[in-house]
């Protein structure tokens, strides 16, 4: 990955929270918990993204420490019924996690990006791969929220 490609992904990652907030602005309080059968509501989506970002933040720090990541896929633990809580704390957490991760990413020297994967297996999970996954996650869920509005 070139430095320019990395910067584009970093900028996309940085704008993910904004994209999610913008999608959320179009949701009314009354429709926040509505969703088609088998789909997540906007509230559940927001909590999922915040929870995933906390786990993703831990992964980044593990990778920077040169340790193995046992399972690089992010699967937040709370069950959906835990997602009925108010949104404000999750939105604040998402914003803070992204900001803290951006500071780390922007100060990485070139060698960190190309450092051998500490997992050392064929399913390489490097800092670059972390960034590829992280860059699109919030945007994908923002689109999911916008689709909920369109289907309403």
C-alpha atoms as a PDB file:
ATOM      1  CA  UNK A   1       0.000   0.000   0.000  1.00  0.00           C
ATOM      2  CA  UNK A   2       1.385   3.380  -0.921  1.00  0.00           C
ATOM      3  CA  UNK A   3       1.437   6.304   1.522  1.00  0.00           C
ATOM      4  CA  UNK A   4      -1.227   7.991  -0.639  1.00  0.00           C
ATOM      5  CA  UNK A   5      -3.499   4.932  -0.466  1.00  0.00           C
ATOM      6  CA  UNK A   6      -3.015   4.789   3.302  1.00  0.00           C
ATOM      7  CA  UNK A   7      -3.896   8.465   3.636  1.00  0.00           C
ATOM      8  CA  UNK A   8      -7.077   7.959   1.609  1.00  0.00           C
ATOM      9  CA  UNK A   9      -8.099   5.091   3.882  1.00  0.00           C
ATOM     10  CA  UNK A  10      -7.250   7.122   6.985  1.00  0.00           C
ATOM     11  CA  UNK A  11      -9.434   9.970   5.721  1.00  0.00           C
ATOM     12  CA  UNK A  12     -12.257   7.540   4.957  1.00  0.00           C
ATOM     13  CA  UNK A  13     -11.912   6.064   8.446  1.00  0.00           C
ATOM     14  CA  UNK A  14     -11.953   9.568   9.931  1.00  0.00           C
ATOM     15  CA  UNK A  15     -15.198  10.458   8.137  1.00  0.00           C
ATOM     16  CA  UNK A  16     -17.040   7.288   9.159  1.00  0.00           C
ATOM     17  CA  UNK A  17     -18.439   8.706  12.382  1.00  0.00           C
ATOM     18  CA  UNK A  18     -19.620  11.827  10.576  1.00  0.00           C
ATOM     19  CA  UNK A  19     -21.332   9.714   7.934  1.00  0.00           C
ATOM     20  CA  UNK A  20     -23.119   7.749  10.635  1.00  0.00           C
ATOM     21  CA  UNK A  21     -24.155  10.924  12.481  1.00  0.00           C
ATOM     22  CA  UNK A  22     -25.506  12.453   9.264  1.00  0.00           C
ATOM     23  CA  UNK A  23     -27.555   9.338   8.542  1.00  0.00           C
ATOM     24  CA  UNK A  24     -28.858   9.385  12.103  1.00  0.00           C
ATOM     25  CA  UNK A  25     -30.017  13.014  11.781  1.00  0.00           C
ATOM     26  CA  UNK A  26     -32.686  11.920   9.307  1.00  0.00           C
ATOM     27  CA  UNK A  27     -34.169   9.408  11.775  1.00  0.00           C
ATOM     28  CA  UNK A  28     -36.978  10.597  14.011  1.00  0.00           C
ATOM     29  CA  UNK A  29     -37.088   9.601  17.682  1.00  0.00           C
ATOM     30  CA  UNK A  30     -40.214   7.615  16.897  1.00  0.00           C
ATOM     31  CA  UNK A  31     -38.506   5.586  14.160  1.00  0.00           C
ATOM     32  CA  UNK A  32     -35.209   5.030  15.971  1.00  0.00           C
ATOM     33  CA  UNK A  33     -36.252   1.541  17.046  1.00  0.00           C
ATOM     34  CA  UNK A  34     -38.206   0.522  13.960  1.00  0.00           C
ATOM     35  CA  UNK A  35     -36.792  -2.008  11.545  1.00  0.00           C
ATOM     36  CA  UNK A  36     -38.076  -4.613   9.129  1.00  0.00           C
ATOM     37  CA  UNK A  37     -38.357  -8.088  10.635  1.00  0.00           C
ATOM     38  CA  UNK A  38     -34.923  -9.631  10.954  1.00  0.00           C
ATOM     39  CA  UNK A  39     -33.100  -6.299  10.433  1.00  0.00           C
ATOM     40  CA  UNK A  40     -31.408  -4.035  12.956  1.00  0.00           C
ATOM     41  CA  UNK A  41     -32.921  -0.725  14.009  1.00  0.00           C
ATOM     42  CA  UNK A  42     -30.948   2.503  13.748  1.00  0.00           C
ATOM     43  CA  UNK A  43     -30.365   2.398  17.517  1.00  0.00           C
ATOM     44  CA  UNK A  44     -28.949  -1.127  17.305  1.00  0.00           C
ATOM     45  CA  UNK A  45     -26.720  -0.166  14.393  1.00  0.00           C
ATOM     46  CA  UNK A  46     -25.233   2.800  16.274  1.00  0.00           C
ATOM     47  CA  UNK A  47     -24.488   0.709  19.365  1.00  0.00           C
ATOM     48  CA  UNK A  48     -22.968  -2.046  17.208  1.00  0.00           C
ATOM     49  CA  UNK A  49     -20.617   0.381  15.443  1.00  0.00           C
ATOM     50  CA  UNK A  50     -19.482   1.927  18.749  1.00  0.00           C
ATOM     51  CA  UNK A  51     -18.922  -1.480  20.344  1.00  0.00           C
ATOM     52  CA  UNK A  52     -17.047  -2.709  17.270  1.00  0.00           C
ATOM     53  CA  UNK A  53     -14.838   0.384  17.339  1.00  0.00           C
ATOM     54  CA  UNK A  54     -13.838  -0.300  20.937  1.00  0.00           C
ATOM     55  CA  UNK A  55     -12.772  -3.824  19.960  1.00  0.00           C
ATOM     56  CA  UNK A  56     -11.072  -2.517  16.838  1.00  0.00           C
ATOM     57  CA  UNK A  57      -9.147  -0.029  19.018  1.00  0.00           C
ATOM     58  CA  UNK A  58      -7.876  -2.868  21.188  1.00  0.00           C
ATOM     59  CA  UNK A  59      -6.839  -4.796  18.084  1.00  0.00           C
ATOM     60  CA  UNK A  60      -4.831  -1.847  16.815  1.00  0.00           C
ATOM     61  CA  UNK A  61      -2.965  -1.555  20.079  1.00  0.00           C
ATOM     62  CA  UNK A  62      -2.262  -5.295  20.142  1.00  0.00           C
ATOM     63  CA  UNK A  63      -0.901  -5.108  16.609  1.00  0.00           C
ATOM     64  CA  UNK A  64       1.245  -2.095  17.483  1.00  0.00           C
ATOM     65  CA  UNK A  65       2.607  -4.047  20.430  1.00  0.00           C
ATOM     66  CA  UNK A  66       3.696  -6.810  18.059  1.00  0.00           C
ATOM     67  CA  UNK A  67       1.429  -9.426  19.601  1.00  0.00           C
ATOM     68  CA  UNK A  68      -0.719 -11.979  17.875  1.00  0.00           C
ATOM     69  CA  UNK A  69      -4.376 -11.195  17.316  1.00  0.00           C
ATOM     70  CA  UNK A  70      -6.119 -14.469  18.010  1.00  0.00           C
ATOM     71  CA  UNK A  71      -9.225 -13.567  16.062  1.00  0.00           C
ATOM     72  CA  UNK A  72      -8.946 -10.503  13.831  1.00  0.00           C
ATOM     73  CA  UNK A  73     -12.640 -10.297  12.985  1.00  0.00           C
ATOM     74  CA  UNK A  74     -14.603  -7.926  15.168  1.00  0.00           C
ATOM     75  CA  UNK A  75     -17.682  -9.423  16.764  1.00  0.00           C
ATOM     76  CA  UNK A  76     -19.019  -7.300  19.600  1.00  0.00           C
ATOM     77  CA  UNK A  77     -20.351  -9.301  22.495  1.00  0.00           C
ATOM     78  CA  UNK A  78     -23.548  -7.571  23.691  1.00  0.00           C
ATOM     79  CA  UNK A  79     -26.800  -9.170  22.652  1.00  0.00           C
ATOM     80  CA  UNK A  80     -29.308  -7.047  20.789  1.00  0.00           C
ATOM     81  CA  UNK A  81     -31.403  -6.458  23.913  1.00  0.00           C
ATOM     82  CA  UNK A  82     -28.406  -4.604  25.367  1.00  0.00           C
ATOM     83  CA  UNK A  83     -28.711  -2.239  22.425  1.00  0.00           C
ATOM     84  CA  UNK A  84     -31.889  -0.593  23.734  1.00  0.00           C
ATOM     85  CA  UNK A  85     -29.958   1.905  25.844  1.00  0.00           C
ATOM     86  CA  UNK A  86     -29.674   5.633  25.007  1.00  0.00           C
ATOM     87  CA  UNK A  87     -27.382   6.564  22.121  1.00  0.00           C
ATOM     88  CA  UNK A  88     -25.383   9.477  23.508  1.00  0.00           C
ATOM     89  CA  UNK A  89     -22.700   7.486  25.335  1.00  0.00           C
ATOM     90  CA  UNK A  90     -22.152   5.202  22.340  1.00  0.00           C
ATOM     91  CA  UNK A  91     -21.852   8.168  19.975  1.00  0.00           C
ATOM     92  CA  UNK A  92     -19.327   9.808  22.324  1.00  0.00           C
ATOM     93  CA  UNK A  93     -17.404   6.539  22.614  1.00  0.00           C
ATOM     94  CA  UNK A  94     -17.318   6.103  18.835  1.00  0.00           C
ATOM     95  CA  UNK A  95     -16.033   9.642  18.327  1.00  0.00           C
ATOM     96  CA  UNK A  96     -13.352   9.269  21.023  1.00  0.00           C
ATOM     97  CA  UNK A  97     -12.162   5.882  19.759  1.00  0.00           C
ATOM     98  CA  UNK A  98     -11.832   7.118  16.186  1.00  0.00           C
ATOM     99  CA  UNK A  99      -9.963  10.248  17.308  1.00  0.00           C
ATOM    100  CA  UNK A 100      -7.557   8.242  19.481  1.00  0.00           C
ATOM    101  CA  UNK A 101      -6.933   5.719  16.699  1.00  0.00           C
ATOM    102  CA  UNK A 102      -6.285   8.502  14.216  1.00  0.00           C
ATOM    103  CA  UNK A 103      -3.562   9.929  16.452  1.00  0.00           C
ATOM    104  CA  UNK A 104      -1.863   6.527  16.517  1.00  0.00           C
ATOM    105  CA  UNK A 105      -2.223   5.949  12.781  1.00  0.00           C
ATOM    106  CA  UNK A 106      -0.908   9.366  11.828  1.00  0.00           C
ATOM    107  CA  UNK A 107       2.221   8.996  13.931  1.00  0.00           C
ATOM    108  CA  UNK A 108       3.237   5.545  12.660  1.00  0.00           C
ATOM    109  CA  UNK A 109       6.638   5.538  10.974  1.00  0.00           C
ATOM    110  CA  UNK A 110       6.865   3.845   7.573  1.00  0.00           C
ATOM    111  CA  UNK A 111       8.403   0.717   9.082  1.00  0.00           C
ATOM    112  CA  UNK A 112       5.341   0.046  11.217  1.00  0.00           C
ATOM    113  CA  UNK A 113       3.112  -0.232   8.174  1.00  0.00           C
ATOM    114  CA  UNK A 114       5.358  -2.813   6.522  1.00  0.00           C
ATOM    115  CA  UNK A 115       6.389  -4.666   9.678  1.00  0.00           C
ATOM    116  CA  UNK A 116       5.838  -8.412   9.331  1.00  0.00           C
ATOM    117  CA  UNK A 117       2.451  -9.571  10.529  1.00  0.00           C
ATOM    118  CA  UNK A 118       2.833 -10.843  14.132  1.00  0.00           C
ATOM    119  CA  UNK A 119       0.276 -13.545  13.356  1.00  0.00           C
ATOM    120  CA  UNK A 120       2.660 -14.993  10.777  1.00  0.00           C
ATOM    121  CA  UNK A 121       0.074 -17.116   9.020  1.00  0.00           C
ATOM    122  CA  UNK A 122      -1.452 -17.101   5.564  1.00  0.00           C
ATOM    123  CA  UNK A 123      -4.394 -15.055   6.847  1.00  0.00           C
ATOM    124  CA  UNK A 124      -2.212 -11.990   7.376  1.00  0.00           C
ATOM    125  CA  UNK A 125      -3.725  -9.396   9.621  1.00  0.00           C
ATOM    126  CA  UNK A 126      -1.475  -6.383   9.610  1.00  0.00           C
ATOM    127  CA  UNK A 127      -2.016  -2.767  10.534  1.00  0.00           C
ATOM    128  CA  UNK A 128      -2.751  -2.094   6.858  1.00  0.00           C
ATOM    129  CA  UNK A 129      -5.441  -4.786   6.868  1.00  0.00           C
ATOM    130  CA  UNK A 130      -6.825  -3.323  10.089  1.00  0.00           C
ATOM    131  CA  UNK A 131      -7.123   0.036   8.333  1.00  0.00           C
ATOM    132  CA  UNK A 132      -8.765  -1.473   5.240  1.00  0.00           C
ATOM    133  CA  UNK A 133     -11.487  -3.015   7.407  1.00  0.00           C
ATOM    134  CA  UNK A 134     -11.887  -0.032   9.709  1.00  0.00           C
ATOM    135  CA  UNK A 135     -12.132   2.529   6.896  1.00  0.00           C
ATOM    136  CA  UNK A 136     -15.456   1.259   5.605  1.00  0.00           C
ATOM    137  CA  UNK A 137     -17.246  -0.137   8.642  1.00  0.00           C
ATOM    138  CA  UNK A 138     -19.085   2.986   9.827  1.00  0.00           C
ATOM    139  CA  UNK A 139     -19.835   4.019   6.233  1.00  0.00           C
ATOM    140  CA  UNK A 140     -21.441   0.650   5.521  1.00  0.00           C
ATOM    141  CA  UNK A 141     -23.647   0.993   8.571  1.00  0.00           C
ATOM    142  CA  UNK A 142     -24.487   4.610   7.751  1.00  0.00           C
ATOM    143  CA  UNK A 143     -25.806   3.300   4.437  1.00  0.00           C
ATOM    144  CA  UNK A 144     -27.803   0.699   6.352  1.00  0.00           C
ATOM    145  CA  UNK A 145     -29.396   3.513   8.415  1.00  0.00           C
ATOM    146  CA  UNK A 146     -30.165   5.499   5.250  1.00  0.00           C
ATOM    147  CA  UNK A 147     -31.838   2.410   3.789  1.00  0.00           C
ATOM    148  CA  UNK A 148     -34.019   2.133   6.885  1.00  0.00           C
ATOM    149  CA  UNK A 149     -35.218   5.681   6.223  1.00  0.00           C
ATOM    150  CA  UNK A 150     -35.864   4.960   2.563  1.00  0.00           C
ATOM    151  CA  UNK A 151     -37.857   1.817   3.441  1.00  0.00           C
ATOM    152  CA  UNK A 152     -39.980   3.621   6.040  1.00  0.00           C
END
